[in-house]
């Protein structure tokens, strides 16, 4: 009774009742929602406008063979944060040009078509015209190096020694001719070869415009160089992986260092985890990087004492200009004086030949000491002309 009197004194009964109901409702809501929170779903943002970029919007022209046009993502979509920005494409005249799902345009015939893009039901279009190739005629041929001198059997490529104008010319095909083909010949690729001493004029003529010509004054001379060629830039390849011992490497026979060497395992032998069957020959190939006239080679043997490691014979010598197709030059070339203490062989003659690559092959027993040693070695290797 005392408590009731206090409440009546401070708060009306109906107000107290109301506050109690609200508190109960709040506690009830809090209890029901606890542990059941959900994320508010993000509202989709619709595309309001789509418009091709200006280089397409004003109309576009391609030639019948131009397959480079791709129109994907080449439009402005607003707002930029639109939810659905998937692009679909169509061509009003697919017999003129088609558009793939990825936006790749493929011209098929001369004519016009309308290309449409649709993004979230909003569209835009541009006019595409497919036209014939634009023919740009050759106007002139200018020679960069008019005077050419080359030795007998040597070659030179003229293709890089003239310029066709304009550079955008549609047809740059040319025809080569020699006023004295017995002195210097020229093939379809522009390779001139000196055949005999004398002079000739090589003419390059445009197929597109026969009035556009360039002329080279070619003089063929006797071979003036004599001796060992410089080996700078040369490389060597071999029929097997070089075995791991000392300085053995593919660069050693061309490096000018008499203390380094190059060795190959002989047929039917094994050494340092390299094994060669009896049925296989061994070879090495010298790449001089350009064609040179050669009529001898020579070998500097590795040392004075281990004569059983020296080559005694080169069974076959081949030449090539592409490194794949080889022509036989000589057979059974003896390495004379191989038993002498002097490590340098004399010049070992072969028929005069002009090639970029020279291949030296050995298989038969006569090439090596059959009784001792598993490898054939050398310190240096040279090519030259006498």
Protein backbone atom coordinates (compact mmCIF):
# COMPACT_ATOMS: atom_id res chain seq x y z
CA UNK A 1 0.00 0.00 0.00
CA UNK A 2 2.93 2.23 0.67
CA UNK A 3 4.38 1.58 -2.80
CA UNK A 4 1.07 2.35 -4.52
CA UNK A 5 0.82 5.64 -2.84
CA UNK A 6 4.32 6.61 -3.95
CA UNK A 7 3.59 5.80 -7.64
CA UNK A 8 0.39 7.70 -7.60
CA UNK A 9 2.22 10.61 -6.23
CA UNK A 10 4.86 10.69 -9.02
CA UNK A 11 3.32 9.17 -12.23
CA UNK A 12 -0.19 8.66 -13.51
CA UNK A 13 -1.17 5.00 -13.65
CA UNK A 14 -1.90 4.96 -17.37
CA UNK A 15 1.52 6.44 -18.23
CA UNK A 16 3.32 3.83 -16.16
CA UNK A 17 1.35 1.09 -17.89
CA UNK A 18 2.20 2.49 -21.28
CA UNK A 19 5.92 2.58 -20.52
CA UNK A 20 5.83 -0.99 -19.36
CA UNK A 21 4.18 -2.17 -22.56
CA UNK A 22 6.78 -0.36 -24.71
CA UNK A 23 9.63 -1.88 -22.71
CA UNK A 24 8.14 -5.34 -23.14
CA UNK A 25 7.69 -4.77 -26.89
CA UNK A 26 11.28 -3.56 -27.25
CA UNK A 27 12.65 -6.56 -25.37
CA UNK A 28 10.48 -8.89 -27.44
CA UNK A 29 11.69 -7.43 -30.75
CA UNK A 30 15.28 -7.47 -29.60
CA UNK A 31 15.01 -11.13 -28.61
CA UNK A 32 13.31 -12.20 -31.85
CA UNK A 33 15.82 -10.44 -34.14
CA UNK A 34 18.95 -11.47 -32.25
CA UNK A 35 21.08 -13.74 -34.46
CA UNK A 36 18.86 -13.24 -37.54
CA UNK A 37 20.40 -10.15 -39.14
CA UNK A 38 20.24 -10.06 -43.00
CA UNK A 39 22.21 -7.91 -45.43
CA UNK A 40 20.32 -5.24 -47.24
CA UNK A 41 20.01 -6.17 -50.91
CA UNK A 42 21.86 -3.80 -53.21
CA UNK A 43 19.54 -2.16 -55.68
CA UNK A 44 20.19 -2.82 -59.42
CA UNK A 45 21.38 0.24 -61.32
CA UNK A 46 19.92 0.26 -64.83
CA UNK A 47 21.70 1.50 -67.96
CA UNK A 48 20.28 4.86 -69.00
CA UNK A 49 22.22 5.39 -72.24
CA UNK A 50 24.71 3.64 -74.53
CA UNK A 51 26.54 5.44 -77.35
CA UNK A 52 29.29 4.36 -79.75
CA UNK A 53 32.54 6.27 -79.43
CA UNK A 54 33.03 9.09 -81.92
CA UNK A 55 35.33 7.19 -84.35
CA UNK A 56 32.51 4.67 -84.94
CA UNK A 57 29.47 6.87 -84.37
CA UNK A 58 30.22 9.01 -87.41
CA UNK A 59 30.45 5.92 -89.65
CA UNK A 60 33.32 3.54 -90.33
CA UNK A 61 34.94 2.17 -93.50
CA UNK A 62 36.96 -1.03 -93.91
CA UNK A 63 38.44 -2.81 -96.91
CA UNK A 64 37.22 -6.26 -97.87
CA UNK A 65 40.37 -7.94 -96.53
CA UNK A 66 40.62 -5.98 -93.27
CA UNK A 67 39.93 -8.38 -90.39
CA UNK A 68 41.32 -6.13 -87.66
CA UNK A 69 38.18 -4.28 -86.49
CA UNK A 70 36.91 -5.28 -83.04
CA UNK A 71 34.11 -3.16 -81.55
CA UNK A 72 33.89 -4.65 -78.05
CA UNK A 73 33.98 -1.96 -75.32
CA UNK A 74 34.12 0.82 -77.90
CA UNK A 75 31.04 2.57 -76.56
CA UNK A 76 30.20 4.82 -73.63
CA UNK A 77 27.77 3.38 -71.08
CA UNK A 78 26.04 5.59 -68.53
CA UNK A 79 25.90 5.56 -65.69
CA UNK A 80 29.37 4.10 -65.44
CA UNK A 81 28.40 1.97 -62.45
CA UNK A 82 25.41 0.35 -64.16
CA UNK A 83 24.86 -3.19 -62.89
CA UNK A 84 24.41 -5.00 -66.24
CA UNK A 85 26.97 -3.95 -68.86
CA UNK A 86 26.90 -7.08 -71.03
CA UNK A 87 27.19 -6.17 -74.72
CA UNK A 88 25.46 -7.92 -77.61
CA UNK A 89 26.08 -7.07 -81.25
CA UNK A 90 24.22 -7.46 -84.51
CA UNK A 91 24.61 -6.59 -88.19
CA UNK A 92 21.64 -5.50 -90.25
CA UNK A 93 23.23 -7.01 -93.38
CA UNK A 94 25.30 -10.08 -92.41
CA UNK A 95 26.05 -10.80 -96.07
CA UNK A 96 28.21 -7.63 -96.01
CA UNK A 97 29.75 -8.06 -92.55
CA UNK A 98 29.16 -10.19 -89.48
CA UNK A 99 29.91 -9.47 -85.82
CA UNK A 100 30.89 -12.19 -83.36
CA UNK A 101 29.82 -12.36 -79.72
CA UNK A 102 33.25 -10.97 -78.87
CA UNK A 103 32.77 -7.94 -81.16
CA UNK A 104 35.01 -9.12 -84.02
CA UNK A 105 33.86 -7.67 -87.35
CA UNK A 106 34.40 -9.80 -90.46
CA UNK A 107 33.85 -8.10 -93.86
CA UNK A 108 32.37 -10.50 -96.42
CA UNK A 109 31.35 -8.45 -99.44
CA UNK A 110 31.25 -4.88 -100.75
CA UNK A 111 28.36 -2.82 -99.41
CA UNK A 112 26.92 -1.23 -96.28
CA UNK A 113 25.43 -2.50 -93.05
CA UNK A 114 24.34 -1.12 -89.69
CA UNK A 115 26.08 -2.43 -86.60
CA UNK A 116 24.00 -2.33 -83.39
CA UNK A 117 25.04 -2.78 -79.79
CA UNK A 118 22.57 -3.55 -77.00
CA UNK A 119 23.36 -3.09 -73.31
CA UNK A 120 20.58 -3.67 -70.76
CA UNK A 121 17.92 -3.01 -73.42
CA UNK A 122 19.54 0.29 -74.45
CA UNK A 123 20.91 0.40 -78.04
CA UNK A 124 23.02 2.43 -80.42
CA UNK A 125 24.17 1.87 -83.98
CA UNK A 126 26.70 3.01 -86.57
CA UNK A 127 27.02 2.63 -90.32
CA UNK A 128 29.76 0.30 -91.61
CA UNK A 129 30.90 0.40 -95.21
CA UNK A 130 32.97 -2.36 -96.82
CA UNK A 131 35.02 -1.11 -99.78
CA UNK A 132 37.56 -2.45 -102.26
CA UNK A 133 41.28 -2.46 -101.54
CA UNK A 134 42.93 0.90 -102.03
CA UNK A 135 45.59 0.46 -104.69
CA UNK A 136 48.74 2.49 -104.08
CA UNK A 137 51.04 2.39 -107.09
CA UNK A 138 54.84 2.32 -107.06
CA UNK A 139 56.24 5.67 -108.14
CA UNK A 140 60.00 5.06 -108.06
CA UNK A 141 62.90 2.82 -107.04
CA UNK A 142 65.96 4.49 -105.58
CA UNK A 143 69.29 2.67 -105.30
CA UNK A 144 71.11 3.07 -101.98
CA UNK A 145 74.43 1.59 -103.10
CA UNK A 146 74.91 1.82 -106.87
CA UNK A 147 78.44 0.43 -107.20
CA UNK A 148 78.95 -3.19 -106.16
CA UNK A 149 82.26 -5.05 -106.28
CA UNK A 150 82.51 -8.75 -105.57
CA UNK A 151 85.02 -11.51 -106.11
CA UNK A 152 84.66 -14.59 -108.26
CA UNK A 153 82.09 -17.03 -106.83
CA UNK A 154 81.16 -14.56 -104.11
CA UNK A 155 77.57 -13.41 -103.65
CA UNK A 156 75.74 -10.30 -102.52
CA UNK A 157 72.06 -9.68 -101.75
CA UNK A 158 70.68 -6.59 -103.51
CA UNK A 159 67.25 -6.76 -101.86
CA UNK A 160 68.34 -4.45 -99.04
CA UNK A 161 70.21 -2.01 -101.27
CA UNK A 162 67.28 -0.19 -102.87
CA UNK A 163 64.07 1.51 -101.69
CA UNK A 164 60.60 1.35 -103.24
CA UNK A 165 58.46 4.50 -102.98
CA UNK A 166 55.98 5.05 -101.55
CA UNK A 167 56.53 2.65 -98.69
CA UNK A 168 52.77 1.96 -98.63
CA UNK A 169 52.80 0.70 -102.23
CA UNK A 170 50.36 -2.18 -102.66
CA UNK A 171 52.49 -4.34 -104.96
CA UNK A 172 56.24 -4.25 -104.23
CA UNK A 173 57.14 -7.18 -106.47
CA UNK A 174 60.20 -6.61 -108.65
CA UNK A 175 62.08 -8.31 -111.49
CA UNK A 176 65.89 -8.53 -111.60
CA UNK A 177 67.99 -8.73 -114.74
CA UNK A 178 71.70 -8.69 -115.64
CA UNK A 179 73.05 -7.09 -118.81
CA UNK A 180 75.90 -9.65 -118.80
CA UNK A 181 74.59 -12.80 -117.11
CA UNK A 182 77.81 -14.66 -117.95
CA UNK A 183 79.70 -12.22 -115.67
CA UNK A 184 77.21 -12.02 -112.81
CA UNK A 185 73.93 -13.84 -112.39
CA UNK A 186 71.00 -12.81 -110.20
CA UNK A 187 68.14 -14.94 -108.91
CA UNK A 188 64.53 -14.11 -107.99
CA UNK A 189 65.55 -13.24 -104.43
CA UNK A 190 68.07 -10.62 -105.55
CA UNK A 191 71.20 -12.71 -104.90
CA UNK A 192 74.02 -11.75 -107.29
CA UNK A 193 76.89 -14.19 -107.91
CA UNK A 194 80.16 -13.32 -109.59
CA UNK A 195 80.87 -15.80 -112.40
CA UNK A 196 83.84 -14.33 -114.24
CA UNK A 197 85.94 -11.22 -114.22
CA UNK A 198 84.22 -8.21 -115.79
CA UNK A 199 81.41 -5.68 -115.37
CA UNK A 200 77.65 -5.84 -115.73
CA UNK A 201 74.55 -3.79 -114.94
CA UNK A 202 71.92 -5.29 -112.69
CA UNK A 203 68.47 -3.72 -113.11
CA UNK A 204 65.61 -3.99 -110.65
CA UNK A 205 62.20 -3.18 -112.19
CA UNK A 206 58.83 -2.73 -110.51
CA UNK A 207 56.15 -5.16 -111.66
CA UNK A 208 53.47 -2.63 -110.72
CA UNK A 209 55.15 0.22 -112.63
CA UNK A 210 57.72 -0.87 -115.26
CA UNK A 211 58.92 2.73 -115.55
CA UNK A 212 60.16 2.55 -111.94
CA UNK A 213 63.69 1.11 -112.15
CA UNK A 214 66.97 1.06 -110.30
CA UNK A 215 70.42 0.09 -111.61
CA UNK A 216 73.54 -1.35 -109.99
CA UNK A 217 76.99 -1.27 -111.51
CA UNK A 218 78.54 -4.63 -110.62
CA UNK A 219 82.24 -5.37 -111.07
CA UNK A 220 83.51 -8.93 -110.63
CA UNK A 221 87.18 -9.25 -109.69
CA UNK A 222 89.66 -12.02 -109.11
CA UNK A 223 89.87 -13.34 -105.58
CA UNK A 224 92.17 -10.88 -103.87
CA UNK A 225 92.26 -12.38 -100.39
CA UNK A 226 94.69 -15.19 -99.69
CA UNK A 227 95.17 -17.10 -96.45
CA UNK A 228 93.17 -18.04 -93.37
CA UNK A 229 89.90 -16.19 -92.97
CA UNK A 230 89.20 -14.26 -89.80
CA UNK A 231 87.03 -16.45 -87.60
CA UNK A 232 85.39 -13.61 -85.69
CA UNK A 233 81.69 -14.33 -85.23
CA UNK A 234 81.94 -17.89 -86.52
CA UNK A 235 80.13 -20.68 -84.68
CA UNK A 236 80.45 -24.44 -84.57
CA UNK A 237 77.84 -27.20 -84.25
CA UNK A 238 78.48 -30.89 -83.69
CA UNK A 239 76.75 -34.25 -84.04
CA UNK A 240 76.87 -34.92 -80.30
CA UNK A 241 76.86 -33.14 -76.98
CA UNK A 242 80.46 -32.37 -76.05
CA UNK A 243 81.67 -34.46 -73.15
CA UNK A 244 82.48 -32.74 -69.88
CA UNK A 245 86.26 -32.60 -69.51
CA UNK A 246 88.65 -29.69 -69.15
CA UNK A 247 88.07 -26.87 -71.63
CA UNK A 248 86.22 -29.03 -74.16
CA UNK A 249 83.63 -26.79 -75.85
CA UNK A 250 82.15 -25.78 -79.20
CA UNK A 251 83.89 -22.40 -79.03
CA UNK A 252 87.41 -23.69 -78.37
CA UNK A 253 88.45 -24.47 -81.99
CA UNK A 254 87.59 -20.90 -83.04
CA UNK A 255 88.88 -18.88 -80.07
CA UNK A 256 92.60 -18.59 -80.93
CA UNK A 257 93.60 -20.04 -77.57
CA UNK A 258 95.94 -23.00 -78.09
CA UNK A 259 95.32 -24.21 -74.52
CA UNK A 260 91.60 -24.87 -75.10
CA UNK A 261 90.35 -27.79 -77.17
CA UNK A 262 87.36 -29.50 -78.78
CA UNK A 263 86.76 -33.24 -78.74
CA UNK A 264 84.17 -35.73 -80.00
CA UNK A 265 83.70 -39.34 -78.95
CA UNK A 266 84.69 -41.71 -81.78
CA UNK A 267 82.17 -44.11 -83.35
CA UNK A 268 81.87 -47.27 -81.27
CA UNK A 269 83.40 -45.60 -78.20
CA UNK A 270 82.22 -44.21 -74.86
CA UNK A 271 83.74 -41.43 -72.80
CA UNK A 272 82.47 -39.23 -69.95
CA UNK A 273 78.86 -40.47 -70.22
CA UNK A 274 78.77 -40.03 -74.01
CA UNK A 275 78.41 -43.20 -76.10
CA UNK A 276 78.42 -43.38 -79.91
CA UNK A 277 77.29 -46.56 -81.72
CA UNK A 278 79.51 -48.16 -84.40
CA UNK A 279 76.80 -47.40 -86.95
CA UNK A 280 76.93 -43.62 -86.43
CA UNK A 281 79.41 -41.17 -87.84
CA UNK A 282 80.51 -37.97 -86.14
CA UNK A 283 80.73 -34.49 -87.62
CA UNK A 284 81.13 -30.81 -86.89
CA UNK A 285 79.81 -27.86 -88.91
CA UNK A 286 81.48 -24.46 -89.24
CA UNK A 287 79.10 -21.52 -89.80
CA UNK A 288 81.04 -18.55 -91.27
CA UNK A 289 77.86 -16.37 -91.19
CA UNK A 290 78.36 -15.44 -94.86
CA UNK A 291 79.43 -17.15 -98.05
CA UNK A 292 83.16 -17.37 -98.64
CA UNK A 293 85.30 -19.07 -101.25
CA UNK A 294 87.31 -21.85 -99.61
CA UNK A 295 89.88 -24.27 -101.06
CA UNK A 296 91.59 -25.57 -97.93
CA UNK A 297 91.17 -26.25 -94.24
CA UNK A 298 93.72 -26.99 -91.55
CA UNK A 299 93.81 -28.36 -88.04
CA UNK A 300 95.90 -27.42 -85.06
CA UNK A 301 96.06 -30.61 -83.02
CA UNK A 302 95.60 -30.45 -79.27
CA UNK A 303 99.16 -31.32 -78.28
CA UNK A 304 102.45 -32.88 -79.34
CA UNK A 305 102.41 -36.11 -77.35
CA UNK A 306 98.96 -37.71 -77.61
CA UNK A 307 99.06 -38.39 -81.33
CA UNK A 308 96.44 -41.15 -80.99
CA UNK A 309 93.81 -38.40 -80.36
CA UNK A 310 94.42 -36.69 -83.70
CA UNK A 311 92.32 -36.87 -86.86
CA UNK A 312 94.04 -38.89 -89.59
CA UNK A 313 91.46 -38.44 -92.34
CA UNK A 314 88.31 -36.43 -93.03
CA UNK A 315 85.99 -38.85 -94.73
CA UNK A 316 83.62 -36.31 -96.32
CA UNK A 317 83.49 -32.52 -96.66
CA UNK A 318 80.18 -30.84 -97.47
CA UNK A 319 79.03 -27.27 -98.20
CA UNK A 320 75.68 -25.55 -97.66
CA UNK A 321 74.13 -22.10 -97.80
CA UNK A 322 71.10 -22.81 -95.61
CA UNK A 323 72.57 -25.16 -93.00
CA UNK A 324 70.14 -27.93 -93.97
CA UNK A 325 70.85 -29.00 -97.54
CA UNK A 326 74.50 -30.01 -97.97
CA UNK A 327 76.47 -30.76 -101.14
CA UNK A 328 79.42 -33.14 -101.14
CA UNK A 329 82.67 -31.28 -101.95
CA UNK A 330 85.41 -33.81 -101.23
CA UNK A 331 85.95 -37.38 -99.97
CA UNK A 332 88.81 -39.01 -98.06
CA UNK A 333 90.91 -35.92 -97.47
CA UNK A 334 94.09 -37.09 -95.64
CA UNK A 335 95.28 -35.09 -92.64
CA UNK A 336 98.90 -35.21 -93.75
CA UNK A 337 101.76 -35.16 -91.26
CA UNK A 338 99.47 -36.14 -88.40
CA UNK A 339 102.32 -38.19 -86.91
CA UNK A 340 104.72 -35.26 -86.78
CA UNK A 341 105.37 -33.49 -83.45
CA UNK A 342 104.31 -30.16 -84.96
CA UNK A 343 100.69 -29.60 -83.84
CA UNK A 344 99.66 -27.51 -86.90
CA UNK A 345 98.72 -29.44 -90.03
CA UNK A 346 99.56 -28.07 -93.47
CA UNK A 347 96.79 -26.61 -95.64
CA UNK A 348 94.55 -29.57 -96.56
CA UNK A 349 93.24 -28.93 -100.06
CA UNK A 350 89.63 -29.33 -101.19
CA UNK A 351 87.97 -28.25 -104.46
CA UNK A 352 87.35 -24.50 -104.48
CA UNK A 353 83.81 -23.91 -103.21
CA UNK A 354 81.74 -20.96 -102.05
CA UNK A 355 79.44 -21.70 -99.13
CA UNK A 356 78.44 -20.34 -95.75
CA UNK A 357 78.48 -23.69 -93.93
CA UNK A 358 81.18 -26.39 -94.15
CA UNK A 359 80.56 -29.83 -92.66
CA UNK A 360 83.34 -32.33 -91.80
CA UNK A 361 82.23 -35.94 -91.37
CA UNK A 362 84.07 -39.04 -90.14
CA UNK A 363 82.99 -42.62 -89.54
CA UNK A 364 85.45 -45.13 -91.01
CA UNK A 365 88.38 -46.41 -88.96
CA UNK A 366 90.91 -44.70 -91.21
CA UNK A 367 89.79 -41.35 -89.74
CA UNK A 368 91.22 -42.22 -86.30
CA UNK A 369 93.75 -44.30 -84.44
CA UNK A 370 91.80 -47.59 -84.13
CA UNK A 371 93.91 -48.96 -81.29
CA UNK A 372 93.97 -46.18 -78.72
CA UNK A 373 91.82 -43.35 -77.43
CA UNK A 374 88.06 -42.90 -77.28
CA UNK A 375 87.98 -39.34 -78.63
CA UNK A 376 89.21 -37.22 -81.55
CA UNK A 377 90.47 -33.80 -80.49
CA UNK A 378 91.78 -30.54 -81.90
CA UNK A 379 92.84 -27.17 -80.55
CA UNK A 380 91.99 -24.88 -83.50
CA UNK A 381 90.33 -25.18 -86.91
CA UNK A 382 90.82 -22.89 -89.93
CA UNK A 383 89.31 -22.32 -93.38
CA UNK A 384 90.98 -20.31 -96.12
CA UNK A 385 91.81 -19.77 -99.78
CA UNK A 386 95.18 -19.97 -101.56
